[in-house]
Amino acid sequence: MGAGHHHGPSVEEAGQSGDHRKKLWIAFGITAVIVVVQLVGTIITGSLSLLTDTVHAITDASGLLVALIAATLMLKPPTTKRTWGFRRIEVVAALGQATLLLAIGVYAAIEGVRRLVEPPEVPPMELLVFGVLGLAANILALTVLASSRGANFNMRAAFLEVLNDALGSLGVIVAAIVIATTGFLQADAIASLFIVALIVPRAYVLMRETLSVLMEFTPKGLDLDEVRRHIMELEHVIDVHDMHASTVATGLPVLTAHIVVKDECFTSGHVAQQLQAVQQCVAEHFDVAIHHSTFQIETAAIAAHEPAVLKHDLS
């Protein structure tokens, strides 16, 4: 029986997320200022939309702080006890941020509906000032984070939170203008519900994607049926079973499988060539390149004596 393990490029070359802490520190500082300014504005105006945006900003600040901690831990090297290091901490951090955003969205939706029926007095000019200040600060933070927003789940969550907050500030501004020009007090509650509509879908998508990673579902864009067909087309391959694929962290998909080959491969010394062919196949032929793969090369006799639990999945 032969076994093979392939990790392709080094961690720094394949799937390493890089050091984004400087950008996160800048964005965190800006967001912390937003929190203070909008909190003062909420006390002065009593606006629900500004309160929702303030709570959202607090979540942004805490989320960016979590992102900073995650970005620091992600750079720690693997050990014998933590073979992937803390690479997956980015997924856990993003899931936590998405959960907080959903909780805020539910609260704001309930309070927004209540205020549609009983709208309180809201001073529009003060609301406008704080909305503009919040929008300006958010745009600055977005500019800092924009170039790294696709680096990993962690940076994506941070960027989305600030983006949502910027759109929320825009909603506050619109509400202030409507109240000032028409006296329509429900505009504040409507702006709050608008912010909720921005928060919830993005938080849901992020939560779904991070949960799929934690549940070790097949990486998005990778068709294991197609992978199996490609491997089966290789010379001397009889069967492929016990195939599993998952994502450790952004840019780091992994694949394992048992490959059954003809007995003659072991007597002729072709096992190493067979292993190399399979590794090259999964690294080059698919939209999701698998550079970290582990294959067990075996004969049909060995496969026949494996526990049945290994054969209930893709085979």
C-alpha atoms as a PDB file:
ATOM      1  CA  MET A   1       0.000   0.000   0.000  1.00  0.00           C
ATOM      2  CA  GLY A   2       1.335   3.446  -0.842  1.00  0.00           C
ATOM      3  CA  ALA A   3       0.353   6.766   0.607  1.00  0.00           C
ATOM      4  CA  GLY A   4       1.121  10.225  -0.711  1.00  0.00           C
ATOM      5  CA  HIS A   5       0.892  13.707   0.624  1.00  0.00           C
ATOM      6  CA  HIS A   6       1.209  16.848  -1.459  1.00  0.00           C
ATOM      7  CA  HIS A   7       1.204  20.413  -0.221  1.00  0.00           C
ATOM      8  CA  GLY A   8       2.463  22.190  -3.317  1.00  0.00           C
ATOM      9  CA  PRO A   9       3.724  25.705  -2.541  1.00  0.00           C
ATOM     10  CA  SER A  10       4.711  26.755   0.939  1.00  0.00           C
ATOM     11  CA  VAL A  11       2.194  28.307   3.280  1.00  0.00           C
ATOM     12  CA  GLU A  12       3.538  31.720   2.318  1.00  0.00           C
ATOM     13  CA  GLU A  13       2.881  30.976  -1.358  1.00  0.00           C
ATOM     14  CA  ALA A  14      -0.395  29.112  -1.191  1.00  0.00           C
ATOM     15  CA  GLY A  15      -3.232  30.442   0.877  1.00  0.00           C
ATOM     16  CA  GLN A  16      -1.223  32.754   3.123  1.00  0.00           C
ATOM     17  CA  SER A  17      -3.428  35.733   3.806  1.00  0.00           C
ATOM     18  CA  GLY A  18      -0.718  38.287   4.466  1.00  0.00           C
ATOM     19  CA  ASP A  19      -0.392  40.887   7.188  1.00  0.00           C
ATOM     20  CA  HIS A  20      -3.289  43.347   7.090  1.00  0.00           C
ATOM     21  CA  ARG A  21      -3.010  44.584  10.655  1.00  0.00           C
ATOM     22  CA  LYS A  22      -1.932  48.132   9.804  1.00  0.00           C
ATOM     23  CA  LYS A  23      -5.039  48.707   7.705  1.00  0.00           C
ATOM     24  CA  LEU A  24      -7.224  47.149  10.361  1.00  0.00           C
ATOM     25  CA  TRP A  25      -5.704  49.401  13.048  1.00  0.00           C
ATOM     26  CA  ILE A  26      -6.442  52.494  10.966  1.00  0.00           C
ATOM     27  CA  ALA A  27     -10.004  51.360  10.233  1.00  0.00           C
ATOM     28  CA  PHE A  28     -10.538  50.484  13.897  1.00  0.00           C
ATOM     29  CA  GLY A  29      -9.365  53.934  15.003  1.00  0.00           C
ATOM     30  CA  ILE A  30     -11.690  55.669  12.535  1.00  0.00           C
ATOM     31  CA  THR A  31     -14.632  53.475  13.533  1.00  0.00           C
ATOM     32  CA  ALA A  32     -14.001  54.127  17.237  1.00  0.00           C
ATOM     33  CA  VAL A  33     -14.262  57.851  16.539  1.00  0.00           C
ATOM     34  CA  ILE A  34     -17.521  57.231  14.653  1.00  0.00           C
ATOM     35  CA  VAL A  35     -18.924  55.394  17.678  1.00  0.00           C
ATOM     36  CA  VAL A  36     -18.192  58.314  20.016  1.00  0.00           C
ATOM     37  CA  VAL A  37     -19.582  60.934  17.615  1.00  0.00           C
ATOM     38  CA  GLN A  38     -22.746  58.999  16.807  1.00  0.00           C
ATOM     39  CA  LEU A  39     -23.347  58.072  20.434  1.00  0.00           C
ATOM     40  CA  VAL A  40     -23.328  61.768  21.316  1.00  0.00           C
ATOM     41  CA  GLY A  41     -25.626  62.403  18.365  1.00  0.00           C
ATOM     42  CA  THR A  42     -28.048  59.682  19.476  1.00  0.00           C
ATOM     43  CA  ILE A  43     -28.305  61.199  22.962  1.00  0.00           C
ATOM     44  CA  ILE A  44     -28.923  64.666  21.518  1.00  0.00           C
ATOM     45  CA  THR A  45     -31.425  63.695  18.805  1.00  0.00           C
ATOM     46  CA  GLY A  46     -33.112  60.557  20.154  1.00  0.00           C
ATOM     47  CA  SER A  47     -33.114  59.198  16.591  1.00  0.00           C
ATOM     48  CA  LEU A  48     -33.719  55.474  16.090  1.00  0.00           C
ATOM     49  CA  SER A  49     -31.911  55.460  12.742  1.00  0.00           C
ATOM     50  CA  LEU A  50     -28.889  57.104  14.349  1.00  0.00           C
ATOM     51  CA  LEU A  51     -29.157  54.731  17.328  1.00  0.00           C
ATOM     52  CA  THR A  52     -29.244  51.762  14.939  1.00  0.00           C
ATOM     53  CA  ASP A  53     -26.291  53.164  13.055  1.00  0.00           C
ATOM     54  CA  THR A  54     -24.452  53.789  16.355  1.00  0.00           C
ATOM     55  CA  VAL A  55     -25.003  50.223  17.556  1.00  0.00           C
ATOM     56  CA  HIS A  56     -23.915  49.072  14.116  1.00  0.00           C
ATOM     57  CA  ALA A  57     -20.771  51.195  14.462  1.00  0.00           C
ATOM     58  CA  ILE A  58     -20.105  49.676  17.890  1.00  0.00           C
ATOM     59  CA  THR A  59     -20.405  46.256  16.282  1.00  0.00           C
ATOM     60  CA  ASP A  60     -18.068  47.417  13.518  1.00  0.00           C
ATOM     61  CA  ALA A  61     -15.509  48.569  16.069  1.00  0.00           C
ATOM     62  CA  SER A  62     -15.721  45.332  18.054  1.00  0.00           C
ATOM     63  CA  GLY A  63     -15.669  43.346  14.806  1.00  0.00           C
ATOM     64  CA  LEU A  64     -12.558  45.184  13.638  1.00  0.00           C
ATOM     65  CA  LEU A  65     -10.939  44.530  17.008  1.00  0.00           C
ATOM     66  CA  VAL A  66     -11.756  40.831  16.650  1.00  0.00           C
ATOM     67  CA  ALA A  67     -10.399  40.990  13.090  1.00  0.00           C
ATOM     68  CA  LEU A  68      -7.175  42.503  14.438  1.00  0.00           C
ATOM     69  CA  ILE A  69      -6.815  39.716  16.984  1.00  0.00           C
ATOM     70  CA  ALA A  70      -7.586  37.127  14.290  1.00  0.00           C
ATOM     71  CA  ALA A  71      -5.105  38.709  11.869  1.00  0.00           C
ATOM     72  CA  THR A  72      -2.419  38.487  14.562  1.00  0.00           C
ATOM     73  CA  LEU A  73      -3.189  34.863  15.450  1.00  0.00           C
ATOM     74  CA  MET A  74      -3.311  33.845  11.780  1.00  0.00           C
ATOM     75  CA  LEU A  75       0.361  34.745  11.437  1.00  0.00           C
ATOM     76  CA  LYS A  76       1.440  32.338  14.168  1.00  0.00           C
ATOM     77  CA  PRO A  77       3.287  29.333  12.689  1.00  0.00           C
ATOM     78  CA  PRO A  78       1.874  25.782  12.897  1.00  0.00           C
ATOM     79  CA  THR A  79       2.965  23.510  15.731  1.00  0.00           C
ATOM     80  CA  THR A  80       2.679  19.791  16.429  1.00  0.00           C
ATOM     81  CA  LYS A  81      -0.427  20.524  18.527  1.00  0.00           C
ATOM     82  CA  ARG A  82      -1.914  23.027  16.063  1.00  0.00           C
ATOM     83  CA  THR A  83      -0.952  21.694  12.648  1.00  0.00           C
ATOM     84  CA  TRP A  84      -2.797  24.461  10.803  1.00  0.00           C
ATOM     85  CA  GLY A  85      -1.751  27.123  13.280  1.00  0.00           C
ATOM     86  CA  PHE A  86      -4.592  29.598  13.787  1.00  0.00           C
ATOM     87  CA  ARG A  87      -5.500  29.901  10.108  1.00  0.00           C
ATOM     88  CA  ARG A  88      -9.165  29.074  10.708  1.00  0.00           C
ATOM     89  CA  ILE A  89      -9.558  31.826  13.312  1.00  0.00           C
ATOM     90  CA  GLU A  90     -10.503  34.145  10.430  1.00  0.00           C
ATOM     91  CA  VAL A  91     -13.590  32.000   9.807  1.00  0.00           C
ATOM     92  CA  VAL A  92     -14.601  31.967  13.479  1.00  0.00           C
ATOM     93  CA  ALA A  93     -14.141  35.755  13.704  1.00  0.00           C
ATOM     94  CA  ALA A  94     -16.234  36.364  10.589  1.00  0.00           C
ATOM     95  CA  LEU A  95     -18.985  34.076  11.907  1.00  0.00           C
ATOM     96  CA  GLY A  96     -19.061  35.998  15.187  1.00  0.00           C
ATOM     97  CA  GLN A  97     -19.368  39.309  13.370  1.00  0.00           C
ATOM     98  CA  ALA A  98     -22.166  37.997  11.161  1.00  0.00           C
ATOM     99  CA  THR A  99     -24.061  36.741  14.216  1.00  0.00           C
ATOM    100  CA  LEU A 100     -23.801  40.141  15.915  1.00  0.00           C
ATOM    101  CA  LEU A 101     -25.010  41.902  12.785  1.00  0.00           C
ATOM    102  CA  LEU A 102     -28.054  39.626  12.581  1.00  0.00           C
ATOM    103  CA  ALA A 103     -28.906  40.271  16.237  1.00  0.00           C
ATOM    104  CA  ILE A 104     -28.720  44.026  15.669  1.00  0.00           C
ATOM    105  CA  GLY A 105     -30.865  43.696  12.559  1.00  0.00           C
ATOM    106  CA  VAL A 106     -33.627  41.873  14.451  1.00  0.00           C
ATOM    107  CA  TYR A 107     -33.678  44.486  17.242  1.00  0.00           C
ATOM    108  CA  ALA A 108     -33.731  47.418  14.825  1.00  0.00           C
ATOM    109  CA  ALA A 109     -36.507  45.832  12.755  1.00  0.00           C
ATOM    110  CA  ILE A 110     -38.756  45.388  15.808  1.00  0.00           C
ATOM    111  CA  GLU A 111     -38.089  48.909  17.099  1.00  0.00           C
ATOM    112  CA  GLY A 112     -38.454  50.392  13.605  1.00  0.00           C
ATOM    113  CA  VAL A 113     -41.920  48.905  13.144  1.00  0.00           C
ATOM    114  CA  ARG A 114     -42.955  50.221  16.573  1.00  0.00           C
ATOM    115  CA  ARG A 115     -41.782  53.735  15.727  1.00  0.00           C
ATOM    116  CA  LEU A 116     -43.642  53.713  12.451  1.00  0.00           C
ATOM    117  CA  VAL A 117     -46.810  53.658  14.525  1.00  0.00           C
ATOM    118  CA  GLU A 118     -45.610  56.056  17.251  1.00  0.00           C
ATOM    119  CA  PRO A 119     -42.871  58.257  15.773  1.00  0.00           C
ATOM    120  CA  PRO A 120     -41.026  60.417  18.346  1.00  0.00           C
ATOM    121  CA  GLU A 121     -39.833  63.971  17.698  1.00  0.00           C
ATOM    122  CA  VAL A 122     -36.399  64.041  16.050  1.00  0.00           C
ATOM    123  CA  PRO A 123     -34.364  67.267  15.478  1.00  0.00           C
ATOM    124  CA  PRO A 124     -33.474  67.025  11.746  1.00  0.00           C
ATOM    125  CA  MET A 125     -30.515  69.443  11.588  1.00  0.00           C
ATOM    126  CA  GLU A 126     -28.600  67.750  14.400  1.00  0.00           C
ATOM    127  CA  LEU A 127     -29.417  64.374  12.844  1.00  0.00           C
ATOM    128  CA  LEU A 128     -28.060  65.588   9.504  1.00  0.00           C
ATOM    129  CA  VAL A 129     -24.792  66.791  11.034  1.00  0.00           C
ATOM    130  CA  PHE A 130     -24.081  63.494  12.768  1.00  0.00           C
ATOM    131  CA  GLY A 131     -25.108  61.520   9.686  1.00  0.00           C
ATOM    132  CA  VAL A 132     -22.646  63.461   7.503  1.00  0.00           C
ATOM    133  CA  LEU A 133     -19.836  63.042  10.044  1.00  0.00           C
ATOM    134  CA  GLY A 134     -20.487  59.292  10.185  1.00  0.00           C
ATOM    135  CA  LEU A 135     -20.581  58.949   6.398  1.00  0.00           C
ATOM    136  CA  ALA A 136     -17.318  60.867   5.934  1.00  0.00           C
ATOM    137  CA  ALA A 137     -15.505  58.728   8.499  1.00  0.00           C
ATOM    138  CA  ASN A 138     -16.881  55.504   7.016  1.00  0.00           C
ATOM    139  CA  ILE A 139     -15.767  56.471   3.515  1.00  0.00           C
ATOM    140  CA  LEU A 140     -12.269  57.060   4.887  1.00  0.00           C
ATOM    141  CA  ALA A 141     -12.264  53.623   6.557  1.00  0.00           C
ATOM    142  CA  LEU A 142     -13.559  51.977   3.371  1.00  0.00           C
ATOM    143  CA  THR A 143     -10.734  53.563   1.394  1.00  0.00           C
ATOM    144  CA  VAL A 144      -8.228  52.016   3.786  1.00  0.00           C
ATOM    145  CA  LEU A 145      -9.756  48.523   3.635  1.00  0.00           C
ATOM    146  CA  ALA A 146     -10.835  48.390  -0.027  1.00  0.00           C
ATOM    147  CA  SER A 147      -7.626  46.978  -1.516  1.00  0.00           C
ATOM    148  CA  SER A 148      -7.570  44.021   0.929  1.00  0.00           C
ATOM    149  CA  ARG A 149     -11.281  43.203   1.093  1.00  0.00           C
ATOM    150  CA  GLY A 150     -10.861  39.974  -0.905  1.00  0.00           C
ATOM    151  CA  ALA A 151      -7.847  38.669   1.014  1.00  0.00           C
ATOM    152  CA  ASN A 152      -9.798  36.379   3.365  1.00  0.00           C
ATOM    153  CA  PHE A 153     -13.061  35.938   5.290  1.00  0.00           C
ATOM    154  CA  ASN A 154     -11.735  38.138   8.075  1.00  0.00           C
ATOM    155  CA  MET A 155     -10.975  41.149   5.846  1.00  0.00           C
ATOM    156  CA  ARG A 156     -14.179  40.629   3.883  1.00  0.00           C
ATOM    157  CA  ALA A 157     -16.262  40.740   7.065  1.00  0.00           C
ATOM    158  CA  ALA A 158     -14.468  43.898   8.218  1.00  0.00           C
ATOM    159  CA  PHE A 159     -15.027  45.620   4.868  1.00  0.00           C
ATOM    160  CA  LEU A 160     -18.705  44.611   4.708  1.00  0.00           C
ATOM    161  CA  GLU A 161     -19.366  45.922   8.197  1.00  0.00           C
ATOM    162  CA  VAL A 162     -17.878  49.327   7.407  1.00  0.00           C
ATOM    163  CA  LEU A 163     -19.671  49.411   4.038  1.00  0.00           C
ATOM    164  CA  ASN A 164     -23.006  48.667   5.701  1.00  0.00           C
ATOM    165  CA  ASP A 165     -22.338  51.357   8.272  1.00  0.00           C
ATOM    166  CA  ALA A 166     -21.568  53.873   5.509  1.00  0.00           C
ATOM    167  CA  LEU A 167     -24.852  53.048   3.786  1.00  0.00           C
ATOM    168  CA  GLY A 168     -26.557  53.342   7.165  1.00  0.00           C
ATOM    169  CA  SER A 169     -25.118  56.823   7.621  1.00  0.00           C
ATOM    170  CA  LEU A 170     -26.451  57.688   4.175  1.00  0.00           C
ATOM    171  CA  GLY A 171     -29.887  56.528   5.334  1.00  0.00           C
ATOM    172  CA  VAL A 172     -29.626  58.786   8.387  1.00  0.00           C
ATOM    173  CA  ILE A 173     -28.808  61.749   6.136  1.00  0.00           C
ATOM    174  CA  VAL A 174     -31.799  61.065   3.890  1.00  0.00           C
ATOM    175  CA  ALA A 175     -34.083  60.732   6.915  1.00  0.00           C
ATOM    176  CA  ALA A 176     -32.852  64.062   8.303  1.00  0.00           C
ATOM    177  CA  ILE A 177     -33.497  65.819   4.979  1.00  0.00           C
ATOM    178  CA  VAL A 178     -36.988  64.335   4.663  1.00  0.00           C
ATOM    179  CA  ILE A 179     -37.921  65.311   8.228  1.00  0.00           C
ATOM    180  CA  ALA A 180     -36.546  68.845   7.755  1.00  0.00           C
ATOM    181  CA  THR A 181     -38.372  69.444   4.477  1.00  0.00           C
ATOM    182  CA  THR A 182     -41.657  67.611   5.019  1.00  0.00           C
ATOM    183  CA  GLY A 183     -42.027  67.021   8.772  1.00  0.00           C
ATOM    184  CA  PHE A 184     -42.556  63.298   8.069  1.00  0.00           C
ATOM    185  CA  LEU A 185     -41.238  61.863  11.362  1.00  0.00           C
ATOM    186  CA  GLN A 186     -41.653  58.243  10.238  1.00  0.00           C
ATOM    187  CA  ALA A 187     -38.676  58.828   7.915  1.00  0.00           C
ATOM    188  CA  ASP A 188     -36.391  58.085  10.862  1.00  0.00           C
ATOM    189  CA  ALA A 189     -37.947  54.651  11.412  1.00  0.00           C
ATOM    190  CA  ILE A 190     -37.950  53.965   7.662  1.00  0.00           C
ATOM    191  CA  ALA A 191     -34.234  54.815   7.514  1.00  0.00           C
ATOM    192  CA  SER A 192     -33.654  52.397  10.379  1.00  0.00           C
ATOM    193  CA  LEU A 193     -35.493  49.636   8.494  1.00  0.00           C
ATOM    194  CA  PHE A 194     -33.413  50.501   5.413  1.00  0.00           C
ATOM    195  CA  ILE A 195     -30.260  49.915   7.449  1.00  0.00           C
ATOM    196  CA  VAL A 196     -31.706  46.575   8.610  1.00  0.00           C
ATOM    197  CA  ALA A 197     -32.341  45.611   4.981  1.00  0.00           C
ATOM    198  CA  LEU A 198     -28.662  46.270   4.282  1.00  0.00           C
ATOM    199  CA  ILE A 199     -27.355  44.403   7.312  1.00  0.00           C
ATOM    200  CA  VAL A 200     -29.362  41.178   7.352  1.00  0.00           C
ATOM    201  CA  PRO A 201     -28.799  39.753   3.821  1.00  0.00           C
ATOM    202  CA  ARG A 202     -25.041  40.357   3.899  1.00  0.00           C
ATOM    203  CA  ALA A 203     -24.753  38.962   7.407  1.00  0.00           C
ATOM    204  CA  TYR A 204     -26.751  35.893   6.369  1.00  0.00           C
ATOM    205  CA  VAL A 205     -24.536  35.220   3.334  1.00  0.00           C
ATOM    206  CA  LEU A 206     -21.372  35.616   5.397  1.00  0.00           C
ATOM    207  CA  MET A 207     -22.768  33.348   8.131  1.00  0.00           C
ATOM    208  CA  ARG A 208     -23.744  30.681   5.601  1.00  0.00           C
ATOM    209  CA  GLU A 209     -20.323  30.708   3.955  1.00  0.00           C
ATOM    210  CA  THR A 210     -18.374  30.588   7.216  1.00  0.00           C
ATOM    211  CA  LEU A 211     -20.585  27.800   8.571  1.00  0.00           C
ATOM    212  CA  SER A 212     -19.956  25.791   5.399  1.00  0.00           C
ATOM    213  CA  VAL A 213     -16.232  26.040   6.107  1.00  0.00           C
ATOM    214  CA  LEU A 214     -16.619  25.052   9.760  1.00  0.00           C
ATOM    215  CA  MET A 215     -18.864  22.139   8.740  1.00  0.00           C
ATOM    216  CA  GLU A 216     -16.149  21.116   6.258  1.00  0.00           C
ATOM    217  CA  PHE A 217     -18.449  21.159   3.255  1.00  0.00           C
ATOM    218  CA  THR A 218     -16.894  20.811  -0.201  1.00  0.00           C
ATOM    219  CA  PRO A 219     -15.212  24.084  -1.275  1.00  0.00           C
ATOM    220  CA  LYS A 220     -17.452  26.276  -3.405  1.00  0.00           C
ATOM    221  CA  GLY A 221     -16.771  25.740  -7.089  1.00  0.00           C
ATOM    222  CA  LEU A 222     -15.304  22.261  -6.682  1.00  0.00           C
ATOM    223  CA  ASP A 223     -17.311  19.374  -8.197  1.00  0.00           C
ATOM    224  CA  LEU A 224     -16.116  16.145  -6.577  1.00  0.00           C
ATOM    225  CA  ASP A 225     -17.934  14.038  -9.176  1.00  0.00           C
ATOM    226  CA  GLU A 226     -15.845  15.752 -11.835  1.00  0.00           C
ATOM    227  CA  VAL A 227     -12.690  15.276  -9.766  1.00  0.00           C
ATOM    228  CA  ARG A 228     -13.400  11.582  -9.471  1.00  0.00           C
ATOM    229  CA  ARG A 229     -14.033  11.274 -13.235  1.00  0.00           C
ATOM    230  CA  HIS A 230     -10.703  12.933 -14.004  1.00  0.00           C
ATOM    231  CA  ILE A 231      -8.796  10.661 -11.632  1.00  0.00           C
ATOM    232  CA  MET A 232     -10.562   7.564 -12.992  1.00  0.00           C
ATOM    233  CA  GLU A 233      -9.386   8.495 -16.493  1.00  0.00           C
ATOM    234  CA  LEU A 234      -5.746   8.225 -15.407  1.00  0.00           C
ATOM    235  CA  GLU A 235      -3.885   5.126 -16.518  1.00  0.00           C
ATOM    236  CA  HIS A 236      -3.941   2.121 -14.145  1.00  0.00           C
ATOM    237  CA  VAL A 237      -6.608   3.657 -11.831  1.00  0.00           C
ATOM    238  CA  ILE A 238      -9.353   1.153 -10.973  1.00  0.00           C
ATOM    239  CA  ASP A 239     -11.388   3.014  -8.381  1.00  0.00           C
ATOM    240  CA  VAL A 240     -11.528   6.150  -6.215  1.00  0.00           C
ATOM    241  CA  HIS A 241     -13.253   6.130  -2.837  1.00  0.00           C
ATOM    242  CA  ASP A 242     -13.266   7.781   0.591  1.00  0.00           C
ATOM    243  CA  MET A 243     -12.915  11.197  -1.056  1.00  0.00           C
ATOM    244  CA  HIS A 244     -13.215  14.254   1.156  1.00  0.00           C
ATOM    245  CA  ALA A 245     -12.698  17.938   0.404  1.00  0.00           C
ATOM    246  CA  SER A 246     -12.886  20.927   2.720  1.00  0.00           C
ATOM    247  CA  THR A 247     -11.516  24.416   3.274  1.00  0.00           C
ATOM    248  CA  VAL A 248      -9.130  25.125   6.140  1.00  0.00           C
ATOM    249  CA  ALA A 249      -9.071  28.885   5.529  1.00  0.00           C
ATOM    250  CA  THR A 250      -9.204  31.351   2.669  1.00  0.00           C
ATOM    251  CA  GLY A 251      -7.117  30.065  -0.225  1.00  0.00           C
ATOM    252  CA  LEU A 252      -6.420  26.735   1.454  1.00  0.00           C
ATOM    253  CA  PRO A 253      -8.703  23.948   0.131  1.00  0.00           C
ATOM    254  CA  VAL A 254      -7.674  20.378   0.943  1.00  0.00           C
ATOM    255  CA  LEU A 255      -8.535  17.008  -0.590  1.00  0.00           C
ATOM    256  CA  THR A 256      -8.037  13.408   0.532  1.00  0.00           C
ATOM    257  CA  ALA A 257      -8.926  10.134  -1.204  1.00  0.00           C
ATOM    258  CA  HIS A 258      -8.098   6.453  -1.561  1.00  0.00           C
ATOM    259  CA  ILE A 259      -6.912   5.573  -5.076  1.00  0.00           C
ATOM    260  CA  VAL A 260      -7.115   1.923  -6.127  1.00  0.00           C
ATOM    261  CA  VAL A 261      -4.603   1.021  -8.844  1.00  0.00           C
ATOM    262  CA  LYS A 262      -3.649  -2.174 -10.633  1.00  0.00           C
ATOM    263  CA  ASP A 263      -1.390  -4.588  -8.745  1.00  0.00           C
ATOM    264  CA  GLU A 264       1.294  -4.292 -11.413  1.00  0.00           C
ATOM    265  CA  CYS A 265       1.960  -0.670 -10.348  1.00  0.00           C
ATOM    266  CA  PHE A 266       3.477  -1.944  -7.105  1.00  0.00           C
ATOM    267  CA  THR A 267       5.667  -4.547  -8.795  1.00  0.00           C
ATOM    268  CA  SER A 268       6.812  -2.274 -11.609  1.00  0.00           C
ATOM    269  CA  GLY A 269       7.582   0.676  -9.356  1.00  0.00           C
ATOM    270  CA  HIS A 270       4.995   2.975 -10.966  1.00  0.00           C
ATOM    271  CA  VAL A 271       3.291   3.943  -7.699  1.00  0.00           C
ATOM    272  CA  ALA A 272       5.306   7.136  -7.335  1.00  0.00           C
ATOM    273  CA  GLN A 273       4.473   8.147 -10.917  1.00  0.00           C
ATOM    274  CA  GLN A 274       0.827   7.343 -10.308  1.00  0.00           C
ATOM    275  CA  LEU A 275       0.781   9.504  -7.194  1.00  0.00           C
ATOM    276  CA  GLN A 276       2.394  12.391  -9.039  1.00  0.00           C
ATOM    277  CA  ALA A 277      -0.171  12.116 -11.841  1.00  0.00           C
ATOM    278  CA  VAL A 278      -3.082  12.308  -9.387  1.00  0.00           C
ATOM    279  CA  GLN A 279      -1.572  15.281  -7.551  1.00  0.00           C
ATOM    280  CA  GLN A 280      -1.001  17.125 -10.806  1.00  0.00           C
ATOM    281  CA  CYS A 281      -4.546  16.350 -11.903  1.00  0.00           C
ATOM    282  CA  VAL A 282      -6.221  17.957  -8.868  1.00  0.00           C
ATOM    283  CA  ALA A 283      -3.817  20.897  -8.853  1.00  0.00           C
ATOM    284  CA  GLU A 284      -4.310  21.917 -12.484  1.00  0.00           C
ATOM    285  CA  HIS A 285      -7.577  20.691 -14.010  1.00  0.00           C
ATOM    286  CA  PHE A 286     -10.220  22.433 -11.901  1.00  0.00           C
ATOM    287  CA  ASP A 287     -11.425  25.942 -11.105  1.00  0.00           C
ATOM    288  CA  VAL A 288     -10.422  25.366  -7.475  1.00  0.00           C
ATOM    289  CA  ALA A 289      -6.758  24.346  -7.523  1.00  0.00           C
ATOM    290  CA  ILE A 290      -5.970  21.798  -4.804  1.00  0.00           C
ATOM    291  CA  HIS A 291      -2.333  22.226  -3.789  1.00  0.00           C
ATOM    292  CA  HIS A 292      -2.724  20.449  -0.452  1.00  0.00           C
ATOM    293  CA  SER A 293      -3.802  16.868  -1.145  1.00  0.00           C
ATOM    294  CA  THR A 294      -3.311  13.522   0.561  1.00  0.00           C
ATOM    295  CA  PHE A 295      -3.843  10.265  -1.341  1.00  0.00           C
ATOM    296  CA  GLN A 296      -3.614   6.654  -0.257  1.00  0.00           C
ATOM    297  CA  ILE A 297      -2.571   4.455  -3.175  1.00  0.00           C
ATOM    298  CA  GLU A 298      -3.745   0.862  -2.715  1.00  0.00           C
ATOM    299  CA  THR A 299      -4.573  -2.386  -4.465  1.00  0.00           C
ATOM    300  CA  ALA A 300      -8.075  -3.779  -4.940  1.00  0.00           C
ATOM    301  CA  ALA A 301      -7.340  -6.443  -2.296  1.00  0.00           C
ATOM    302  CA  ILE A 302      -6.454  -3.813   0.290  1.00  0.00           C
ATOM    303  CA  ALA A 303      -9.554  -1.762  -0.574  1.00  0.00           C
ATOM    304  CA  ALA A 304     -11.764  -4.829  -0.163  1.00  0.00           C
ATOM    305  CA  HIS A 305     -10.627  -5.272   3.452  1.00  0.00           C
ATOM    306  CA  GLU A 306     -11.180  -1.658   4.524  1.00  0.00           C
ATOM    307  CA  PRO A 307     -13.986  -0.886   6.988  1.00  0.00           C
ATOM    308  CA  ALA A 308     -17.339  -0.302   5.328  1.00  0.00           C
ATOM    309  CA  VAL A 309     -17.560   3.157   6.904  1.00  0.00           C
ATOM    310  CA  LEU A 310     -14.869   4.338   4.498  1.00  0.00           C
ATOM    311  CA  LYS A 311     -16.960   3.432   1.473  1.00  0.00           C
ATOM    312  CA  HIS A 312     -20.319   5.042   2.212  1.00  0.00           C
ATOM    313  CA  ASP A 313     -19.360   8.390   0.704  1.00  0.00           C
ATOM    314  CA  LEU A 314     -18.351   9.337  -2.840  1.00  0.00           C
ATOM    315  CA  SER A 315     -17.013   6.230  -4.546  1.00  0.00           C
END
